[in-house]
Each structure stands twice: as C-alpha cells, then as structure tokens.
Protein backbone atom coordinates (compact mmCIF):
# COMPACT_ATOMS: atom_id res chain seq x y z
CA MET A 1 170.34 174.46 42.93
CA ARG A 2 172.24 174.62 45.78
CA THR A 3 173.97 177.97 44.46
CA HIS A 4 170.62 179.33 43.38
CA MET A 5 169.11 178.81 47.05
CA HIS A 6 172.41 179.98 48.58
CA THR A 7 172.82 183.50 47.00
CA PRO A 8 169.47 185.01 47.89
CA ARG A 9 170.18 183.73 51.51
CA SER A 10 173.82 185.58 51.23
CA GLY A 11 172.12 188.79 50.03
CA GLY A 12 169.30 188.74 52.60
CA HIS A 13 172.12 188.20 55.18
CA ARG A 14 173.95 191.08 54.23
CA ALA A 15 170.79 193.22 54.33
CA MET A 16 170.04 192.08 57.64
CA LEU A 17 173.61 193.17 58.94
CA ALA A 18 173.10 196.46 57.19
CA ARG A 19 169.79 197.05 59.13
CA TRP A 20 171.49 196.27 62.29
CA ALA A 21 174.24 198.41 61.55
CA VAL A 22 171.95 201.54 61.03
CA THR A 23 169.95 200.53 64.30
CA LEU A 24 173.16 200.63 66.10
CA LEU A 25 174.45 203.61 64.74
CA SER A 26 170.95 205.11 65.61
CA LEU A 27 171.15 204.11 69.08
CA THR A 28 174.51 205.11 69.64
CA TRP A 29 173.73 208.75 68.03
CA SER A 30 170.69 208.94 70.50
CA THR A 31 172.73 207.76 73.35
CA TYR A 32 175.25 210.48 72.63
CA HIS A 33 172.52 212.94 72.35
CA SER A 34 170.76 211.84 75.52
CA LEU A 35 174.09 212.00 77.41
CA ALA A 36 174.47 215.69 76.35
CA ILE A 37 173.18 218.51 78.88
CA PRO A 38 170.02 219.91 77.37
CA ARG A 39 170.14 223.56 76.29
CA VAL A 40 167.53 226.42 77.28
CA THR A 41 167.47 229.80 75.61
CA GLU A 42 165.91 231.59 78.48
CA CYS A 43 165.49 231.20 82.24
CA GLY A 44 161.72 230.79 83.23
CA LEU A 45 158.97 228.67 84.66
CA SER A 46 156.32 226.47 82.83
CA CYS A 47 153.30 224.42 84.14
CA SER A 48 151.53 221.54 82.39
CA GLN A 49 148.83 222.46 79.75
CA GLY A 50 145.64 223.67 81.00
CA PHE A 51 147.15 225.61 84.11
CA THR A 52 147.72 228.96 84.55
CA CYS A 53 150.77 229.70 86.88
CA ARG A 54 153.03 232.51 87.37
CA ASN A 55 156.40 233.49 89.28
CA HIS A 56 155.98 234.92 92.45
CA VAL A 57 158.70 236.70 94.53
CA ASN A 58 158.40 235.17 98.10
CA ARG A 59 158.73 237.69 100.68
CA ASN A 60 156.76 235.72 103.29
CA VAL A 61 159.48 234.63 105.94
CA PHE A 62 156.62 232.79 107.72
CA ASN A 63 156.39 230.17 104.95
CA SER A 64 159.49 228.39 106.51
CA PHE A 65 156.89 227.71 109.48
CA CYS A 66 154.71 224.82 108.92
CA ARG A 67 150.98 224.55 109.48
CA GLN A 68 148.95 221.56 109.75
CA PRO A 69 147.31 220.35 106.74
CA PRO A 70 143.60 219.88 106.34
CA PRO A 71 142.02 216.55 106.92
CA SER A 72 141.09 216.23 103.29
CA MET A 73 144.85 216.75 102.06
CA SER A 74 147.00 213.72 101.60
CA ARG A 75 150.40 213.74 102.66
CA SER A 76 151.51 212.42 99.41
CA VAL A 77 149.97 215.34 97.32
CA LEU A 78 153.53 216.23 96.28
CA GLU A 79 154.13 213.27 94.12
CA ALA A 80 157.87 213.48 92.54
CA LEU A 81 160.65 215.72 92.47
CA MET A 82 163.26 215.32 89.45
CA LEU A 83 166.41 217.18 89.15
CA SER A 84 168.80 217.81 86.22
CA THR A 85 171.17 220.24 84.73
CA VAL A 86 170.67 222.51 81.70
CA MET A 87 172.97 224.74 79.77
CA LYS A 88 172.47 228.20 78.60
CA CYS A 89 174.86 229.45 75.87
CA ALA A 90 175.75 232.79 74.44
CA PRO A 91 178.06 233.34 71.48
CA GLN A 92 180.58 235.58 73.07
CA ASP A 93 180.31 234.33 76.82
CA GLY A 94 180.24 230.65 76.42
CA CYS A 95 177.87 228.62 78.34
CA SER A 96 176.57 228.73 82.15
CA LEU A 97 174.77 225.92 84.10
CA LEU A 98 171.46 226.14 85.50
CA LEU A 99 169.48 223.60 87.79
CA ARG A 100 166.07 222.23 86.37
CA VAL A 101 163.43 221.27 89.23
CA HIS A 102 160.84 219.25 87.86
CA ALA A 103 157.72 218.84 90.41
CA SER A 104 154.56 216.68 90.09
CA LEU A 105 151.60 217.31 92.42
CA THR A 106 147.95 216.67 92.80
CA LEU A 107 146.07 220.11 93.06
CA HIS A 108 144.18 220.47 96.16
CA GLU A 109 141.77 223.10 97.01
CA SER A 110 144.06 224.58 99.76
CA LEU A 111 147.07 224.85 97.71
CA ARG A 112 147.95 227.93 96.16
CA GLY A 113 151.34 227.12 94.74
CA LEU A 114 154.86 225.76 94.99
CA GLU A 115 158.11 226.90 96.51
CA ALA A 116 161.64 225.18 95.54
CA CYS A 117 164.85 226.10 97.48
CA SER A 118 168.50 225.34 96.64
CA MET A 119 171.07 225.47 99.25
CA SER A 120 174.80 225.07 98.62
CA LEU A 121 176.49 222.35 100.91
CA ASP A 122 179.77 224.40 100.82
CA THR A 123 178.27 228.05 101.66
CA GLN A 124 174.91 227.20 102.93
CA GLU A 125 173.71 230.06 100.70
CA THR A 126 170.14 229.39 99.66
CA HIS A 127 168.11 230.54 96.69
CA CYS A 128 164.12 230.03 96.50
CA HIS A 129 161.78 230.29 93.64
CA SER A 130 157.92 230.22 94.22
CA MET A 131 155.08 229.85 91.54
CA ARG A 132 151.40 230.35 92.12
CA VAL A 133 148.49 228.78 90.49
CA SER A 134 145.83 231.23 89.37
CA ARG A 135 142.58 231.14 91.54
CA ALA A 136 140.57 229.97 88.42
CA SER A 137 142.72 226.95 87.65
CA ARG A 138 142.55 225.93 91.13
CA ARG A 139 138.71 225.80 90.90
CA GLN A 140 138.59 224.01 87.76
CA GLN A 141 141.64 221.51 88.22
CA VAL A 142 141.27 220.38 91.55
CA GLY A 143 142.25 216.74 92.04
CA GLN A 144 144.22 217.01 88.57
CA GLN A 145 148.07 216.36 88.27
CA LEU A 146 149.98 219.38 87.81
CA GLN A 147 153.51 219.31 86.40
CA VAL A 148 155.76 222.30 87.06
CA HIS A 149 159.33 223.26 85.69
CA PHE A 150 161.74 225.55 87.56
CA ASN A 151 164.72 226.49 85.19
CA CYS A 152 166.21 229.53 86.84
CA PHE A 153 168.43 228.09 89.64
CA GLU A 154 172.17 229.32 88.77
CA VAL A 155 174.61 226.79 89.80
CA SER A 156 178.40 225.96 89.39
CA MET A 157 180.08 223.00 88.23
CA ALA A 158 180.93 220.61 90.70
CA GLN A 159 178.47 222.19 93.14
CA SER A 160 176.74 220.09 95.93
CA LEU A 161 173.26 221.20 96.26
CA TYR A 162 170.33 220.31 98.64
CA ILE A 163 167.17 220.92 97.22
CA THR A 164 163.76 221.30 99.17
CA LEU A 165 160.17 221.26 97.51
CA ARG A 166 157.03 222.08 99.71
CA THR A 167 153.71 223.61 99.31
CA VAL A 168 152.50 227.23 99.31
CA PRO A 169 151.48 227.70 102.21
CA HIS A 170 153.54 225.24 103.93
CA PHE A 171 151.84 222.14 105.47
CA CYS A 172 153.69 220.14 107.87
CA GLY A 173 155.02 216.78 106.60
CA VAL A 174 154.10 217.79 102.87
CA GLN A 175 157.94 218.06 101.65
CA LEU A 176 160.31 216.57 99.27
CA ASN A 177 164.13 216.63 99.74
CA GLN A 178 166.80 215.58 97.55
CA GLN A 179 170.67 215.98 97.40
CA TYR A 180 172.11 216.94 93.80
CA ASN A 181 175.65 217.09 92.53
CA VAL A 182 176.37 219.26 89.33
CA GLU A 183 178.58 217.80 86.71
CA ASP A 184 182.10 218.92 86.76
CA CYS A 185 184.58 219.52 84.28
CA ARG A 186 185.06 215.75 83.79
CA ASP A 187 181.85 215.56 81.85
CA GLU A 188 182.67 216.15 77.99
CA ASP A 189 179.96 218.52 77.42
CA VAL A 190 180.66 220.73 80.46
CA GLY A 191 184.29 220.81 79.81
CA ARG A 192 183.99 221.81 76.32
CA ASN A 193 181.54 224.61 76.78
CA VAL A 194 181.75 226.10 80.32
CA PRO A 195 184.72 228.96 80.64
CA ASP A 196 185.21 227.88 84.14
CA CYS A 197 186.74 224.58 82.87
CA PHE A 198 189.15 225.84 80.71
CA ALA A 199 191.61 226.81 83.33
CA GLU A 200 192.08 223.17 83.78
CA LYS A 201 193.47 223.09 80.45
CA LEU A 202 196.39 225.18 81.19
CA SER A 203 199.90 223.93 80.07
CA TYR A 204 202.71 224.57 82.44
CA TRP A 205 206.38 223.78 82.60
CA VAL A 206 208.91 224.11 85.64
CA ASP A 207 212.16 225.63 85.05
CA ARG A 208 214.02 224.35 88.36
CA SER A 209 217.35 226.27 87.27
CA ARG A 210 215.52 229.37 87.00
CA LYS A 211 212.98 228.76 89.74
CA VAL A 212 209.91 229.79 87.67
CA VAL A 213 206.51 228.18 86.57
CA LEU A 214 205.98 228.85 82.91
CA VAL A 215 202.19 228.60 82.20
CA GLN A 216 200.59 228.98 78.74
CA VAL A 217 196.88 229.94 78.76
CA PRO A 218 194.92 228.65 76.12
CA GLU A 219 192.56 230.66 73.65
CA ALA A 220 189.08 230.00 73.60
CA PRO A 221 185.89 231.50 71.80
CA GLY A 222 184.41 233.57 74.34
CA SER A 223 187.10 233.04 76.98
CA PRO A 224 186.96 235.98 79.66
CA ASP A 225 190.34 237.21 81.14
CA TYR A 226 192.18 234.91 83.42
CA TYR A 227 194.06 235.26 86.85
CA LEU A 228 197.02 233.14 87.67
CA ARG A 229 199.36 232.80 90.85
CA LEU A 230 201.30 230.63 93.04
CA CYS A 231 199.91 229.70 96.47
CA LEU A 232 200.47 227.50 99.35
CA LYS A 233 197.60 225.13 99.69
CA TRP A 234 196.39 224.77 103.52
CA PHE A 235 192.74 224.81 103.96
CA THR A 236 192.50 227.84 101.40
CA CYS A 237 195.16 228.82 99.05
CA GLU A 238 197.52 231.35 100.77
CA ASP A 239 199.26 233.83 98.74
CA ALA A 240 202.81 232.95 97.65
CA GLY A 241 203.05 235.65 94.93
CA GLU A 242 201.02 238.54 93.21
CA PRO A 243 198.32 237.35 90.95
CA VAL A 244 198.89 237.90 87.30
CA GLN A 245 195.86 238.78 84.76
CA VAL A 246 196.12 237.61 81.27
CA THR A 247 193.46 239.43 79.33
CA ALA A 248 191.65 237.92 76.40
CA ASN A 249 193.31 240.25 73.93
CA SER A 250 196.86 239.64 74.96
CA VAL A 251 199.43 239.19 72.33
CA SER A 252 201.25 236.64 74.62
CA ARG A 253 199.46 234.13 76.65
CA MET A 254 202.71 232.68 78.44
CA VAL A 255 203.15 233.79 82.16
CA SER A 256 206.51 233.22 84.15
CA LEU A 257 205.63 232.67 87.76
CA PRO A 258 208.85 232.80 90.18
CA TYR A 259 209.17 230.78 93.27
CA SER A 260 211.75 230.64 96.10
CA GLN A 261 211.60 226.82 96.85
CA GLU A 262 209.87 223.60 95.73
CA MET A 263 207.01 222.65 98.21
CA PRO A 264 204.55 219.84 97.88
CA CYS A 265 201.97 222.44 98.49
CA LEU A 266 202.99 225.00 96.30
CA CYS A 267 200.33 225.09 93.66
CA LEU A 268 199.31 226.98 90.69
CA GLU A 269 195.95 228.40 90.99
CA SER A 270 193.69 230.05 88.15
CA TRP A 271 190.46 231.30 87.76
CA PRO A 272 188.31 233.24 85.18
CA ALA A 273 187.66 237.19 85.90
CA THR A 274 184.19 236.32 86.34
CA PRO A 275 181.94 236.82 89.50
CA ASP A 276 181.98 233.89 91.98
CA ALA A 277 184.35 231.83 89.45
CA VAL A 278 185.52 228.48 90.60
CA ARG A 279 189.27 228.45 91.26
CA THR A 280 191.31 225.29 90.42
CA GLN A 281 194.44 224.32 91.62
CA THR A 282 197.32 222.39 90.31
CA CYS A 283 200.41 221.33 92.44
CA PRO A 284 203.60 220.60 90.27
CA PHE A 285 205.78 219.75 93.22
CA GLU A 286 203.58 217.33 95.18
CA ASP A 287 206.33 214.78 95.48
CA ASP A 288 209.05 217.19 96.48
CA THR A 289 208.82 216.63 100.27
CA GLU A 290 212.80 217.09 101.14
CA ALA A 291 212.49 220.83 101.79
CA LEU A 292 209.68 220.17 104.41
CA TRP A 293 212.27 218.41 106.89
CA ASP A 294 214.85 221.16 106.80
CA ALA A 295 212.97 223.72 108.69
CA ILE A 296 214.62 222.65 112.00
CA HIS A 297 215.64 225.31 114.50
CA TYR A 298 217.78 225.14 117.90
CA HIS A 299 217.28 227.83 120.30
CA PRO A 300 220.59 228.11 122.74
CA GLY A 301 218.69 230.13 125.05
CA SER A 302 216.26 227.75 126.11
CA GLN A 303 218.18 224.61 124.73
CA ALA A 304 214.92 223.72 122.67
CA LEU A 305 214.63 222.14 119.19
CA SER A 306 211.78 223.02 116.90
CA TRP A 307 210.28 222.19 113.60
CA GLU A 308 207.39 223.42 111.94
CA PRO A 309 205.87 222.21 108.69
CA ALA A 310 205.72 224.63 105.77
CA CYS A 311 202.86 222.49 104.15
CA PRO A 312 200.32 220.04 105.45
CA VAL A 313 201.82 216.96 106.58
CA SER A 314 200.30 213.73 107.94
CA GLY A 315 202.70 211.44 109.66
CA HIS A 316 204.96 211.50 112.85
CA VAL A 317 208.11 213.36 114.08
CA SER A 318 210.42 211.77 116.75
CA LEU A 319 213.86 212.21 118.22
CA CYS A 320 216.36 209.40 117.46
CA TRP A 321 220.17 208.54 117.69
CA ARG A 322 222.71 206.86 115.47
CA PRO A 323 225.11 204.20 117.09
CA GLY A 324 227.02 204.61 113.81
CA PRO A 325 227.28 205.65 110.34
CA GLY A 326 224.49 203.95 108.23
CA ALA A 327 223.22 202.43 111.46
CA HIS A 328 219.40 202.51 111.94
CA CYS A 329 218.18 205.75 113.85
CA LEU A 330 216.80 204.48 117.47
CA GLU A 331 213.98 206.57 118.46
CA LEU A 332 214.22 208.13 122.10
CA GLU A 333 211.36 207.46 124.55
CA ASN A 334 208.24 209.67 124.89
CA SER A 335 209.59 211.75 121.81
CA ASP A 336 207.01 210.72 119.31
CA ARG A 337 204.73 213.77 117.80
CA PRO A 338 202.12 214.41 115.34
CA ALA A 339 203.71 216.31 112.27
CA HIS A 340 200.52 218.38 111.53
CA ARG A 341 201.62 221.22 113.48
CA ARG A 342 204.62 222.87 115.16
CA VAL A 343 206.79 220.39 117.16
CA GLN A 344 209.05 221.41 119.83
CA TYR A 345 211.41 219.62 122.31
CA SER A 346 212.72 221.22 125.43
CA LEU A 347 216.31 220.76 126.95
CA VAL A 348 217.69 219.01 124.10
CA ASP A 349 221.20 217.60 124.34
CA THR A 350 223.26 218.97 121.36
CA GLN A 351 225.06 215.58 120.37
CA PRO A 352 225.99 214.80 116.77
CA GLN A 353 224.47 211.65 116.74
CA LEU A 354 220.99 213.10 117.99
CA CYS A 355 218.70 213.51 114.90
CA LEU A 356 215.14 214.21 113.94
CA LYS A 357 213.13 211.27 112.27
CA PHE A 358 210.17 212.13 109.95
CA SER A 359 207.89 209.27 108.97
CA THR A 360 204.80 209.61 106.58
CA SER A 361 203.10 206.96 104.37
CA LEU A 362 205.67 207.53 101.61
CA GLY A 363 208.78 206.71 103.93
CA PHE A 364 211.15 208.35 106.42
CA TRP A 365 213.67 210.88 106.51
CA VAL A 366 216.40 211.54 109.24
CA ARG A 367 218.09 215.14 109.82
CA CYS A 368 220.86 215.61 112.21
CA PRO A 369 221.09 219.37 113.01
CA PHE A 370 224.03 219.01 115.49
CA GLU A 371 226.55 217.31 113.10
CA GLN A 372 228.24 220.76 112.88
CA PRO A 373 231.21 221.50 114.97
CA ARG A 374 229.77 224.77 116.27
CA PHE A 375 227.44 222.91 118.67
CA PRO A 376 228.71 222.21 122.06
CA ALA A 377 229.30 218.47 122.77
CA TRP A 378 230.59 216.48 125.74
CA LYS A 379 232.94 213.40 125.49
CA MET A 380 233.09 209.88 127.24
CA THR A 381 236.22 207.88 127.48
CA ILE A 382 237.07 204.49 129.23
CA GLN A 383 240.35 204.19 131.04
CA TRP A 384 241.83 202.25 134.01
CA ALA A 385 240.78 203.24 137.24
CA PRO A 386 243.41 203.66 140.09
CA SER A 387 241.98 200.11 141.38
CA ARG A 388 243.17 197.48 138.56
CA ALA A 389 239.65 195.66 139.26
CA HIS A 390 237.82 198.46 137.80
CA LEU A 391 237.51 200.56 134.54
CA ARG A 392 236.74 204.35 134.80
CA VAL A 393 234.11 205.99 132.57
CA ALA A 394 235.19 209.66 132.61
CA PHE A 395 233.27 212.44 131.07
CA PHE A 396 234.53 215.71 129.64
CA SER A 397 232.32 218.64 129.30
CA PRO A 398 232.62 222.40 128.67
CA SER A 399 230.22 223.04 131.48
CA PRO A 400 229.23 221.07 134.74
CA THR A 401 226.70 218.74 133.88
CA SER A 402 225.10 215.26 135.33
CA PHE A 403 225.79 211.97 133.82
CA GLN A 404 224.79 208.30 133.89
CA VAL A 405 226.12 205.14 132.62
CA ARG A 406 224.61 201.58 132.17
CA LEU A 407 225.94 198.39 130.81
CA CYS A 408 224.31 196.76 127.73
CA HIS A 409 224.43 193.48 125.82
CA ARG A 410 224.43 193.07 121.82
CA ARG A 411 221.43 190.93 120.54
CA LYS A 412 220.71 189.76 116.98
CA MET A 413 217.93 192.66 116.79
CA TRP A 414 218.17 196.28 118.17
CA PRO A 415 217.86 197.59 120.88
CA LEU A 416 220.55 196.47 123.10
CA ALA A 417 219.70 194.76 126.24
CA CYS A 418 220.61 197.45 128.88
CA HIS A 419 220.40 197.30 132.89
CA GLN A 420 222.33 198.61 136.03
CA LYS A 421 221.97 202.24 135.77
CA LEU A 422 224.79 204.27 137.49
CA GLN A 423 224.87 207.60 138.43
CA ALA A 424 228.38 209.44 137.55
CA THR A 425 230.18 211.15 140.47
CA PRO A 426 230.76 214.73 139.84
CA LEU A 427 234.33 216.17 140.08
CA PRO A 428 235.12 219.80 141.02
CA PRO A 429 235.60 222.22 137.69
CA ALA A 430 239.26 222.80 136.61
CA SER A 431 240.63 226.10 138.28
CA VAL A 432 242.27 227.03 134.98
CA SER A 433 240.89 225.72 131.96
CA ARG A 434 242.96 225.38 128.91
CA GLY A 435 240.45 226.36 126.39
CA ASP A 436 239.89 222.72 125.07
CA PHE A 437 237.50 220.94 127.40
CA THR A 438 238.97 217.68 126.09
CA THR A 439 242.14 218.44 127.68
CA ASP A 440 240.91 219.52 131.08
CA PRO A 441 239.91 217.47 133.96
CA PRO A 442 236.96 215.30 133.58
CA VAL A 443 233.56 216.80 135.13
CA ALA A 444 232.27 213.24 136.22
CA PHE A 445 233.23 209.52 136.32
CA VAL A 446 231.95 206.14 137.13
CA ASP A 447 233.99 203.07 138.09
CA ILE A 448 232.66 199.72 136.66
CA PRO A 449 234.09 196.26 137.64
CA ARG A 450 236.53 194.97 134.92
CA ASP A 451 234.70 191.68 134.81
CA GLU A 452 231.49 193.11 133.94
CA ALA A 453 232.64 195.83 131.40
CA CYS A 454 235.06 193.58 129.27
CA GLY A 455 234.09 190.80 127.27
CA PRO A 456 232.39 190.30 123.72
CA ASP A 457 228.96 191.83 123.02
CA THR A 458 229.37 194.37 125.95
CA CYS A 459 228.55 198.02 125.39
CA ILE A 460 228.81 200.78 127.88
CA GLN A 461 226.67 203.74 127.20
CA GLY A 462 226.81 207.08 128.93
CA TRP A 463 224.49 210.12 128.74
CA ARG A 464 223.34 213.47 130.22
CA THR A 465 220.48 213.20 132.96
CA ASP A 466 220.22 217.17 133.35
CA MET A 467 218.32 217.17 129.77
CA HIS A 468 214.92 216.03 128.80
CA PHE A 469 216.34 214.41 125.64
CA SER A 470 219.97 212.94 125.50
CA ALA A 471 221.46 210.87 122.93
CA PRO A 472 223.79 208.28 124.60
CA GLN A 473 227.74 207.77 123.66
CA GLN A 474 228.65 204.05 123.18
CA LEU A 475 231.68 201.92 123.39
CA CYS A 476 231.40 198.22 122.66
CA ASN A 477 233.43 195.23 123.01
CA LEU A 478 236.16 196.46 125.28
CA GLN A 479 239.39 194.16 125.00
CA CYS A 480 241.09 193.92 128.32
CA GLY A 481 243.60 191.32 127.16
CA THR A 482 246.87 189.75 128.08
CA HIS A 483 248.89 192.53 126.26
CA HIS A 484 248.15 195.01 128.99
CA VAL A 485 246.40 197.52 126.73
CA LEU A 486 242.85 198.41 126.75
CA TRP A 487 241.43 198.58 123.25
CA PRO A 488 237.86 198.68 121.79
CA THR A 489 237.53 195.99 119.34
CA PHE A 490 237.15 197.35 115.68
CA ALA A 491 235.22 194.12 114.34
CA HIS A 492 232.27 196.46 114.65
CA ALA A 493 233.85 199.44 112.77
CA ALA A 494 230.78 200.96 111.38
CA ALA A 495 229.28 200.99 114.79
CA GLU A 496 232.53 202.63 116.44
CA ALA A 497 233.35 204.97 113.82
CA GLN A 498 230.90 207.83 114.66
CA THR A 499 230.86 207.15 118.46
CA PRO A 500 232.56 210.35 120.03
CA GLY A 501 233.61 208.09 123.02
CA THR A 502 237.18 206.73 123.14
CA SER A 503 238.95 204.07 125.09
CA ASP A 504 242.62 205.22 125.08
CA LEU A 505 244.60 203.99 128.43
CA THR A 506 247.25 201.64 129.01
CA GLU A 507 247.25 199.51 132.15
CA ASN A 508 250.33 201.35 133.26
CA SER A 509 249.38 204.85 132.98
CA HIS A 510 248.07 207.11 135.77
CA ALA A 511 246.65 210.21 136.87
CA GLY A 512 248.32 213.33 135.88
CA SER A 513 250.11 211.83 132.56
CA HIS A 514 249.46 213.47 128.99
CA GLY A 515 245.66 213.39 129.96
CA PRO A 516 243.73 214.04 132.82
CA LEU A 517 243.38 210.43 133.64
CA GLY A 518 246.23 209.07 131.40
CA PHE A 519 247.37 209.04 127.76
CA HIS A 520 245.21 210.09 125.01
CA GLN A 521 245.67 208.21 121.59
CA GLU A 522 247.80 211.02 120.23
CA SER A 523 250.10 210.99 122.92
CA TRP A 524 250.20 207.24 122.86
CA CYS A 525 250.86 207.24 119.04
CA ARG A 526 253.72 209.78 119.63
CA LEU A 527 255.33 207.34 121.98
CA TYR A 528 254.88 204.41 119.73
CA LEU A 529 256.19 205.85 116.61
CA THR A 530 259.27 207.20 118.88
CA LYS A 531 259.85 203.55 120.11
CA VAL A 532 259.56 202.37 116.35
CA HIS A 533 261.93 205.00 115.08
CA THR A 534 264.66 205.00 117.69
CA GLY A 535 264.09 201.75 119.83
CA ARG A 536 263.62 203.87 123.05
CA GLY A 537 260.31 204.28 125.10
CA PRO A 538 259.10 205.03 128.71
CA ALA A 539 259.97 202.62 131.11
CA GLY A 540 257.14 200.29 132.01
CA LEU A 541 254.92 201.52 129.24
CA ALA A 542 253.60 198.56 127.36
CA LEU A 543 253.27 199.50 123.55
CA ASP A 544 252.36 196.12 122.14
CA ARG A 545 250.26 195.33 118.85
CA PRO A 546 247.91 198.36 118.63
CA PRO A 547 245.57 198.47 115.67
CA CYS A 548 247.17 200.30 112.69
CA SER A 549 244.35 202.84 112.51
CA LEU A 550 244.97 204.46 115.71
CA CYS A 551 248.02 206.12 114.22
CA LYS A 552 246.67 207.26 111.06
CA CYS A 553 250.11 207.31 109.22
CA THR A 554 250.51 208.50 105.81
CA PRO A 555 253.86 208.12 103.49
CA LYS A 556 254.04 211.90 102.90
CA ALA A 557 255.12 212.45 106.36
CA GLY A 558 258.46 210.56 105.92
CA PRO A 559 259.49 207.13 104.41
CA TRP A 560 260.16 205.83 107.82
CA LEU A 561 256.57 206.40 109.33
CA HIS A 562 254.49 203.49 108.56
CA CYS A 563 251.87 201.16 110.11
CA PRO A 564 254.03 198.48 111.25
CA PHE A 565 250.92 196.27 112.24
CA SER A 566 249.16 196.51 108.94
CA ARG A 567 249.08 192.90 108.66
CA HIS A 568 247.92 192.32 112.09
CA PRO A 569 244.42 190.80 112.32
CA GLN A 570 243.05 193.67 114.37
CA ALA A 571 244.39 196.22 111.71
CA THR A 572 241.50 198.11 109.98
CA GLU A 573 241.38 201.02 107.44
CA THR A 574 238.75 202.75 109.58
CA SER A 575 240.49 205.72 111.56
CA HIS A 576 239.74 205.82 115.32
CA PRO A 577 237.17 208.82 115.77
CA SER A 578 239.49 210.55 118.54
CA LEU A 579 242.02 211.35 116.28
CA ASN A 580 241.89 214.54 113.92
CA GLY A 581 243.74 213.21 111.00
CA GLY A 582 247.04 213.64 109.68
CA CYS A 583 250.46 211.78 110.61
CA LEU A 584 251.68 211.98 114.15
CA LEU A 585 255.45 213.12 114.34
CA PRO A 586 257.73 211.84 117.09
CA PRO A 587 258.91 214.12 119.52
CA ALA A 588 262.06 215.99 118.62
CA GLY A 589 265.40 214.24 119.89
C-alpha cells in the first residue's frame, strides 16, 4: 500500500521538476535575448497608430530660443524620454550602432512636432532630428498620447551622449534631458558584431632581442582594412613609427613594428580603415619604467642638471646624497619637484655622491650621474693644524671655490644632528700647478678644536657654498689617540668607503712635507713599508699600528710585502678611498 502510494508521488515529483527545468530554460533563453541588442533593418521614424507624422529637416536656428507656452499647456506635456541602442547589420560590412529615442507626449493644439538632439560629450558635436504631426492629426487627436521613435542617430561604441527632447515650437520649460553611454566592446553582442571591436582582439608578442612588436590581425567576415602603428601615449598618441596597413585580402596578417626603446607609454594603436573609426591602444611596456630615469643631462656651461620625462609620470624628483655605499640617499633641502614636466636644477655641484631620486606610487629609483671620473670634483682632508690643539680641514679643488664646515653627531636615525657652521678661509691659488689638484696646495681650510672634532659618533661635513645644490663630504669617528696618529675609525666601513674625504696626517708632520699640509696615505705607506723591510724610518715619525687596509698590499708584489697588522682589531678588508689600488713599493735603497 505504501509502495503503491509512493510511486505516483515520485512520478509526479519528477514531472514537476521537469516542468521547472523547462520554465527555467525558457526564462534563461528569453533573458539572453532580452540582453541582446535589438536589430533594425532601416533607419527611420515611426509614430503610434492613428497619427500621421513625417521627418522634417530643421533649418530654423531660432528653435534654439524658447517662447512662453500658452496658459492652456501644461509643462508636463512631454511625459517620457527613453533611450536604447539598436544595431543595423549588413552581410559584408558587419554591424553599426544606432541610438533609439523613444518619446511620449500629450498632443496639444499649439504643438506641431518634436525635436530630439544628440550631443557628444567628447567632441561637442551635435545632431538633431525633427518630426512633424500633420495638421489633420493635430485637430483630431488633441489631448491624446503620442508615441514617437527616432532610430536614425548614428553612434559609436563607448560614446557618451547628452540627449535633449523639446517641442516644436520650443516652449520655455518644456524640455527633457538625459545622459546616455553607448555600450562598448565588453558587451558580448557589440564585441562579436561591431568591426571597431575586432582591433581589441589583436594578438601581439614582444621580441626584446630584436626590438620589434609582432602583431597578428584576426580575420573576420566583413572586416575592413586595418591600420597599426606604435605611438607615445600622452594626451593623444604621438607618432613613434609609420602606420602599417593590413588589407582585408592580405595573404599574411602578421605585422612587425620596430621600436628603439621600451617605454611605459609606448603603445600599439590599431583602428579600422573606416571614417571616424575608434582607435584602441594597448601598451605592452607599461611596467618598464627604468628607461625614464636615464634621461638626465648636465650642462657644463650653466652647471645645470636637467631631466625631462619621455612619458607621463606622476611622482616627484629630488636631489639627494649618499653618505656611503648602500646607504639611504638623503634628500637635499628645497630640491623636491613634481615629475610630470621638465625638471632643472641650476648651479649643481658635480660630486660623485650627488644623485637624483625619483619617487612614484610604484617605488623609488636613484641615479647618480657624476660617478664617472670625467666630472671635476673637489676633495676634503683632515690633518693636524700647526696648533696641536686643533685639526685642520683642508679643501682641494681644480678652481677657487667657497666652502663651509659643520660638526655633526650620529643618532639612531638619519639625519645627523648638525650645528656650528664654519666658513672656510680661502688661500691664494698655486702659482704653478702640477696638473693634479690633489697635489696642489689647498684652496681653503678651517681649523677646528681637537676636543670638538675627535670622539665617538662625531662627523665633520664640508660642502661648497658657491653652488645652489652641493653634496657634503663627510668623515666620522676621528681617533686622535695615544699612538700619535690621526685615523678615521673603520667601524663604519660602509659609510666611509664611498666618502672622498680623507684623514691622513701624523701628529709630527708639517707643512711642506710630501703633501700640501703633510703626508698623504700613499707617502705614509711607502715610509711604513720601508721601515718594515729595512728597519729604518724618518726620525721622529710615529708609524705605529695603522689599519691594514691603508697599505692595500698584495702577495704578487713580492713575498716580503704583507699586512703586518692583519690581526689588529682595527684591520678590515675595506680599502681606504684615498688609495688607487695596487701595492705600494718602498723607495729604492
């Protein structure tokens, strides 16, 4: 009994599910067709049944000016304005888009017709269509509702339009307005049938080794000829190569477009060979920003440093300086500039540690244009002053310049805490130059009390004051200890290795010795190695326990040349920046 009752219920349940499935499929099918853009076979005008209306070419510019409506006319005589896109297709030419304007109004005896105007928000171009109701219809249908369809507005995909509907004649305050956006290629129906969208289906490959972009143009029924080119995309796409035409009957639809450099705004532009065709751009190098930061130019005559973006950039440019290799580049004051246009800095000091820093939302990049030795640079050294209670900061330069010095103290975070600016005293230029400014007498100097300059976490900075932008040279942690030798500490090797300044004078040195104010490291190392090898050295010259790195010895120069203090606590593998490399041989004899 239970089985007998269960079977028909089960069959009825399956039948019900089948009916639901059919209903769901019907709804899905109808929804699909409702989402498809309606087709029209011709462009025209239609009115509701019982009315006689016709197209009218409106040459009366005075319809733009309104007149006051009669007292018997309601301002709501225009009831509705509805807009939609329709598609007109031809077998060989593909499909084009039209705007359908549907208007509803209550006919009044003073109305002769309607005017609908479409204005492109991109170009401000305006097209108008008018209709007239016959005099007989106006007499017979006063007070009746009139439905009007305009199907003749040609539009482009992704176009933004402003539609205006008003009466003929134009009565003030009797008007309807609406903004409308035409479907773009993301609409399945548009993308499949409108030729302008075929360009977005291009396939391309970048061959970086050959510096070409290879483009495959798809074949489609009724597709027109195509144009392809590379361009630099700013407000408009500027030519970066000659356009290449691909005809509809081309045997090969593969195009090779050469380029000179990967740029984020170098784009592939394509468009069909039809009037007013929509152009589409694809930018295959939009993440290649490295080339942008290399467009740096130095102008020796004006001593100006400039950079100009080759592509639109949103960000900032600033000058900065590096205290040492791998160190954070510290921005110079008053050097921040927006990066969207040409940037120029006047009177820039050509120091190797002076750099340009580019900052965008993607990160930052640093370029140091003066690292090459062809740029003139100055040098700062720290030596004993004639007064043993002071240190002398000496500046060497190929030309007379002005310098300033300040004392700074290290903190846990940059920047240093700096104070006490001291102006350097200029010295007369050398009457005879040796051709190397580092061996000529200094051009300026500053004497600093020993107690202030020597000590842990103390730095001495020097920079040019006759330039608008100058990067300081810096020496830190000078050890003026019991061994009567002035050495910079090498505990901060990374910070010192790129710093051009040197500290190179023994306490017993004097003016007129192997350097302008005392011995340079090269002279000192020669003397030291002589003492190691022969046991002889100048009387009164303390040569005790230097860091091994100052002599930069190598076994290739001879078995006796070695670093005798390689196990000394201060010995490091970092070469001092003042030495040019190679072993320093002792004087002959």
